[in-house]
Amino acid sequence: MSRDVDFSEYFAARVQRFRRVAFALSGDWHAAEDLVQAMFVQLYRRWRRVRPGTADAYARRILLNLFLAGRRVSGREYVTSSVPERESPPGRDTSLRLDVERALAGLTPRQRAMVVLRFLEDLPVREVAALLGVAEGTVKSQTARGVEALRTALPAPATEES
């Protein structure tokens, strides 16, 4: 019973964080929900073997593998004749958010993963390299290229003149 209680507590404490990361990776809330659900299912299956100190890293690795594997298999995009009408929540700059989402979507899946892990999850280069199974230099160069692509794709920030 302790296994289920421990896992339930972990789930409750981390689900929102992993949803945010999954959305940053996928760019779609529905896909993010699917990724996080699949991640927690896989994590639960192995929960007895997961050490408490490494649970976040292990969960992040599962999420990243699911994202990258899903990108290779197929995307779940459907063509429709009209765009759904939705209002943005109050207090959010929708146009900027959409610009960032479009710019992130323009990156390769691996570059996007590196940028998200480095800047949203605030992981050091060493951990990102270990998660992706690449050299630290690869993380540095691909992250730099990804950030440069984002700078090129996004409008320059407005500055206030004093």
C-alpha atoms as a PDB file:
ATOM      1  CA  MET A   1       0.000   0.000   0.000  1.00  0.00           C
ATOM      2  CA  SER A   2       2.920   2.342   0.684  1.00  0.00           C
ATOM      3  CA  ARG A   3       3.890   2.163  -3.001  1.00  0.00           C
ATOM      4  CA  ASP A   4       0.503   3.534  -4.071  1.00  0.00           C
ATOM      5  CA  VAL A   5       0.507   6.259  -1.432  1.00  0.00           C
ATOM      6  CA  ASP A   6       4.052   7.332  -2.327  1.00  0.00           C
ATOM      7  CA  PHE A   7       3.230   7.384  -6.016  1.00  0.00           C
ATOM      8  CA  SER A   8      -0.019   9.315  -5.436  1.00  0.00           C
ATOM      9  CA  GLU A   9       1.845  11.951  -3.455  1.00  0.00           C
ATOM     10  CA  TYR A  10       4.530  12.191  -6.139  1.00  0.00           C
ATOM     11  CA  PHE A  11       1.874  12.479  -8.845  1.00  0.00           C
ATOM     12  CA  ALA A  12      -0.018  15.239  -7.028  1.00  0.00           C
ATOM     13  CA  ALA A  13       3.176  17.211  -6.424  1.00  0.00           C
ATOM     14  CA  ARG A  14       4.583  16.931  -9.955  1.00  0.00           C
ATOM     15  CA  VAL A  15       1.740  16.599 -12.475  1.00  0.00           C
ATOM     16  CA  GLN A  16       1.415  20.345 -13.207  1.00  0.00           C
ATOM     17  CA  ARG A  17       5.153  20.761 -13.693  1.00  0.00           C
ATOM     18  CA  PHE A  18       5.343  17.875 -16.153  1.00  0.00           C
ATOM     19  CA  ARG A  19       2.269  19.153 -18.024  1.00  0.00           C
ATOM     20  CA  ARG A  20       4.031  22.480 -18.493  1.00  0.00           C
ATOM     21  CA  VAL A  21       7.174  20.771 -19.774  1.00  0.00           C
ATOM     22  CA  ALA A  22       5.176  18.453 -22.058  1.00  0.00           C
ATOM     23  CA  PHE A  23       3.311  21.429 -23.494  1.00  0.00           C
ATOM     24  CA  ALA A  24       6.572  23.260 -24.128  1.00  0.00           C
ATOM     25  CA  LEU A  25       7.847  20.169 -25.939  1.00  0.00           C
ATOM     26  CA  SER A  26       4.730  19.382 -27.958  1.00  0.00           C
ATOM     27  CA  GLY A  27       3.064  22.771 -28.379  1.00  0.00           C
ATOM     28  CA  ASP A  28      -0.371  21.216 -27.882  1.00  0.00           C
ATOM     29  CA  TRP A  29      -2.235  20.796 -24.596  1.00  0.00           C
ATOM     30  CA  HIS A  30      -3.956  17.606 -25.728  1.00  0.00           C
ATOM     31  CA  ALA A  31      -0.675  16.029 -26.803  1.00  0.00           C
ATOM     32  CA  ALA A  32       0.904  17.235 -23.545  1.00  0.00           C
ATOM     33  CA  GLU A  33      -1.829  15.536 -21.525  1.00  0.00           C
ATOM     34  CA  ASP A  34      -1.272  12.307 -23.487  1.00  0.00           C
ATOM     35  CA  LEU A  35       2.489  12.497 -22.962  1.00  0.00           C
ATOM     36  CA  VAL A  36       2.167  13.104 -19.222  1.00  0.00           C
ATOM     37  CA  GLN A  37      -0.402  10.354 -18.807  1.00  0.00           C
ATOM     38  CA  ALA A  38       1.803   7.855 -20.656  1.00  0.00           C
ATOM     39  CA  MET A  39       4.818   9.023 -18.633  1.00  0.00           C
ATOM     40  CA  PHE A  40       3.059   8.445 -15.303  1.00  0.00           C
ATOM     41  CA  VAL A  41       1.805   5.028 -16.438  1.00  0.00           C
ATOM     42  CA  GLN A  42       5.360   3.954 -17.313  1.00  0.00           C
ATOM     43  CA  LEU A  43       6.704   5.490 -14.130  1.00  0.00           C
ATOM     44  CA  TYR A  44       4.126   3.657 -12.004  1.00  0.00           C
ATOM     45  CA  ARG A  45       5.108   0.323 -13.547  1.00  0.00           C
ATOM     46  CA  ARG A  46       8.689   0.875 -12.404  1.00  0.00           C
ATOM     47  CA  TRP A  47       7.941   2.785  -9.193  1.00  0.00           C
ATOM     48  CA  ARG A  48       9.354   0.062  -6.879  1.00  0.00           C
ATOM     49  CA  ARG A  49      12.764   0.391  -8.566  1.00  0.00           C
ATOM     50  CA  VAL A  50      12.861   4.195  -8.702  1.00  0.00           C
ATOM     51  CA  ARG A  51      14.979   5.831  -6.019  1.00  0.00           C
ATOM     52  CA  PRO A  52      13.296   8.880  -4.448  1.00  0.00           C
ATOM     53  CA  GLY A  53      16.267  11.126  -5.217  1.00  0.00           C
ATOM     54  CA  THR A  54      16.193  10.301  -8.918  1.00  0.00           C
ATOM     55  CA  ALA A  55      12.427  10.151  -9.520  1.00  0.00           C
ATOM     56  CA  ASP A  56      12.271  13.542 -11.264  1.00  0.00           C
ATOM     57  CA  ALA A  57      15.189  12.752 -13.560  1.00  0.00           C
ATOM     58  CA  TYR A  58      13.730   9.342 -14.364  1.00  0.00           C
ATOM     59  CA  ALA A  59      10.285  10.811 -15.083  1.00  0.00           C
ATOM     60  CA  ARG A  60      11.824  13.539 -17.242  1.00  0.00           C
ATOM     61  CA  ARG A  61      13.723  10.903 -19.214  1.00  0.00           C
ATOM     62  CA  ILE A  62      10.522   8.921 -19.823  1.00  0.00           C
ATOM     63  CA  LEU A  63       8.708  12.083 -20.937  1.00  0.00           C
ATOM     64  CA  LEU A  64      11.508  13.052 -23.292  1.00  0.00           C
ATOM     65  CA  ASN A  65      11.690   9.561 -24.808  1.00  0.00           C
ATOM     66  CA  LEU A  66       7.924   9.518 -25.345  1.00  0.00           C
ATOM     67  CA  PHE A  67       8.039  12.935 -27.010  1.00  0.00           C
ATOM     68  CA  LEU A  68      10.918  12.053 -29.325  1.00  0.00           C
ATOM     69  CA  ALA A  69       9.448   8.624 -30.194  1.00  0.00           C
ATOM     70  CA  GLY A  70       6.055  10.169 -30.962  1.00  0.00           C
ATOM     71  CA  ARG A  71       7.634  12.711 -33.280  1.00  0.00           C
ATOM     72  CA  ARG A  72       9.267   9.959 -35.286  1.00  0.00           C
ATOM     73  CA  VAL A  73       6.128   7.849 -35.599  1.00  0.00           C
ATOM     74  CA  SER A  74       3.577  10.436 -36.645  1.00  0.00           C
ATOM     75  CA  GLY A  75       2.042  13.708 -35.646  1.00  0.00           C
ATOM     76  CA  ARG A  76      -1.567  13.956 -34.587  1.00  0.00           C
ATOM     77  CA  GLU A  77      -2.514  16.906 -36.716  1.00  0.00           C
ATOM     78  CA  TYR A  78      -5.843  16.991 -38.423  1.00  0.00           C
ATOM     79  CA  VAL A  79      -6.794  19.317 -41.230  1.00  0.00           C
ATOM     80  CA  THR A  80     -10.054  21.157 -40.668  1.00  0.00           C
ATOM     81  CA  SER A  81     -11.941  23.616 -42.797  1.00  0.00           C
ATOM     82  CA  SER A  82     -12.159  26.260 -40.072  1.00  0.00           C
ATOM     83  CA  VAL A  83     -10.150  27.455 -37.124  1.00  0.00           C
ATOM     84  CA  PRO A  84     -11.895  27.001 -33.758  1.00  0.00           C
ATOM     85  CA  GLU A  85     -12.804  30.233 -32.016  1.00  0.00           C
ATOM     86  CA  ARG A  86     -11.408  30.481 -28.502  1.00  0.00           C
ATOM     87  CA  GLU A  87     -10.864  33.457 -26.293  1.00  0.00           C
ATOM     88  CA  SER A  88      -7.605  33.774 -24.443  1.00  0.00           C
ATOM     89  CA  PRO A  89      -7.593  33.914 -20.653  1.00  0.00           C
ATOM     90  CA  PRO A  90      -7.533  37.468 -19.284  1.00  0.00           C
ATOM     91  CA  GLY A  91      -4.120  38.925 -18.541  1.00  0.00           C
ATOM     92  CA  ARG A  92      -2.211  36.839 -21.064  1.00  0.00           C
ATOM     93  CA  ASP A  93      -0.454  38.206 -24.098  1.00  0.00           C
ATOM     94  CA  THR A  94      -1.876  35.750 -26.598  1.00  0.00           C
ATOM     95  CA  SER A  95      -0.035  37.068 -29.611  1.00  0.00           C
ATOM     96  CA  LEU A  96       3.364  36.766 -27.909  1.00  0.00           C
ATOM     97  CA  ARG A  97       2.522  33.284 -26.608  1.00  0.00           C
ATOM     98  CA  LEU A  98       1.464  32.176 -30.084  1.00  0.00           C
ATOM     99  CA  ASP A  99       4.645  33.653 -31.549  1.00  0.00           C
ATOM    100  CA  VAL A 100       6.735  31.667 -29.064  1.00  0.00           C
ATOM    101  CA  GLU A 101       4.763  28.485 -29.777  1.00  0.00           C
ATOM    102  CA  ARG A 102       5.245  28.935 -33.534  1.00  0.00           C
ATOM    103  CA  ALA A 103       8.944  29.658 -33.084  1.00  0.00           C
ATOM    104  CA  LEU A 104       9.394  26.564 -30.895  1.00  0.00           C
ATOM    105  CA  ALA A 105       7.498  24.486 -33.448  1.00  0.00           C
ATOM    106  CA  GLY A 106      10.044  25.584 -36.055  1.00  0.00           C
ATOM    107  CA  LEU A 107      12.871  23.883 -34.162  1.00  0.00           C
ATOM    108  CA  THR A 108      13.783  20.259 -34.669  1.00  0.00           C
ATOM    109  CA  PRO A 109      12.404  17.984 -31.925  1.00  0.00           C
ATOM    110  CA  ARG A 110      15.868  17.524 -30.394  1.00  0.00           C
ATOM    111  CA  GLN A 111      16.637  21.263 -30.462  1.00  0.00           C
ATOM    112  CA  ARG A 112      13.249  21.991 -28.951  1.00  0.00           C
ATOM    113  CA  ALA A 113      13.879  19.414 -26.227  1.00  0.00           C
ATOM    114  CA  MET A 114      17.274  20.947 -25.462  1.00  0.00           C
ATOM    115  CA  VAL A 115      15.910  24.497 -25.301  1.00  0.00           C
ATOM    116  CA  VAL A 116      12.992  23.435 -23.083  1.00  0.00           C
ATOM    117  CA  LEU A 117      15.191  21.397 -20.746  1.00  0.00           C
ATOM    118  CA  ARG A 118      17.849  24.110 -20.497  1.00  0.00           C
ATOM    119  CA  PHE A 119      15.613  27.145 -20.073  1.00  0.00           C
ATOM    120  CA  LEU A 120      12.206  25.972 -18.840  1.00  0.00           C
ATOM    121  CA  GLU A 121      13.445  23.160 -16.606  1.00  0.00           C
ATOM    122  CA  ASP A 122      16.704  25.050 -15.871  1.00  0.00           C
ATOM    123  CA  LEU A 123      18.827  21.920 -16.172  1.00  0.00           C
ATOM    124  CA  PRO A 124      22.598  22.178 -16.531  1.00  0.00           C
ATOM    125  CA  VAL A 125      24.236  21.178 -19.812  1.00  0.00           C
ATOM    126  CA  ARG A 126      25.602  18.003 -18.219  1.00  0.00           C
ATOM    127  CA  GLU A 127      22.128  16.717 -17.268  1.00  0.00           C
ATOM    128  CA  VAL A 128      20.604  17.557 -20.645  1.00  0.00           C
ATOM    129  CA  ALA A 129      23.466  15.715 -22.355  1.00  0.00           C
ATOM    130  CA  ALA A 130      22.919  12.680 -20.133  1.00  0.00           C
ATOM    131  CA  LEU A 131      19.150  12.726 -20.730  1.00  0.00           C
ATOM    132  CA  LEU A 132      19.548  12.865 -24.493  1.00  0.00           C
ATOM    133  CA  GLY A 133      22.580  10.618 -24.684  1.00  0.00           C
ATOM    134  CA  VAL A 134      24.744  13.181 -26.485  1.00  0.00           C
ATOM    135  CA  ALA A 135      27.965  15.039 -25.760  1.00  0.00           C
ATOM    136  CA  GLU A 136      27.884  18.264 -23.756  1.00  0.00           C
ATOM    137  CA  GLY A 137      29.265  20.122 -26.768  1.00  0.00           C
ATOM    138  CA  THR A 138      26.303  18.939 -28.816  1.00  0.00           C
ATOM    139  CA  VAL A 139      23.905  20.331 -26.217  1.00  0.00           C
ATOM    140  CA  LYS A 140      25.745  23.655 -26.219  1.00  0.00           C
ATOM    141  CA  SER A 141      25.840  24.000 -30.000  1.00  0.00           C
ATOM    142  CA  GLN A 142      22.279  22.800 -30.619  1.00  0.00           C
ATOM    143  CA  THR A 143      20.914  24.985 -27.821  1.00  0.00           C
ATOM    144  CA  ALA A 144      22.766  27.990 -29.239  1.00  0.00           C
ATOM    145  CA  ARG A 145      21.360  27.274 -32.715  1.00  0.00           C
ATOM    146  CA  GLY A 146      17.878  26.816 -31.269  1.00  0.00           C
ATOM    147  CA  VAL A 147      18.059  30.081 -29.327  1.00  0.00           C
ATOM    148  CA  GLU A 148      19.346  31.887 -32.421  1.00  0.00           C
ATOM    149  CA  ALA A 149      16.451  30.476 -34.452  1.00  0.00           C
ATOM    150  CA  LEU A 150      14.041  31.700 -31.760  1.00  0.00           C
ATOM    151  CA  ARG A 151      15.613  35.171 -31.809  1.00  0.00           C
ATOM    152  CA  THR A 152      15.267  35.289 -35.573  1.00  0.00           C
ATOM    153  CA  ALA A 153      11.652  34.088 -35.513  1.00  0.00           C
ATOM    154  CA  LEU A 154      10.449  36.288 -32.652  1.00  0.00           C
ATOM    155  CA  PRO A 155       9.974  40.041 -32.802  1.00  0.00           C
ATOM    156  CA  ALA A 156      12.443  42.151 -30.863  1.00  0.00           C
ATOM    157  CA  PRO A 157      11.164  42.980 -27.372  1.00  0.00           C
ATOM    158  CA  ALA A 158       9.707  46.443 -26.990  1.00  0.00           C
ATOM    159  CA  THR A 159      11.828  48.747 -24.869  1.00  0.00           C
ATOM    160  CA  GLU A 160      10.599  51.734 -22.940  1.00  0.00           C
ATOM    161  CA  GLU A 161      12.306  54.980 -23.729  1.00  0.00           C
ATOM    162  CA  SER A 162      13.195  57.056 -20.682  1.00  0.00           C
END
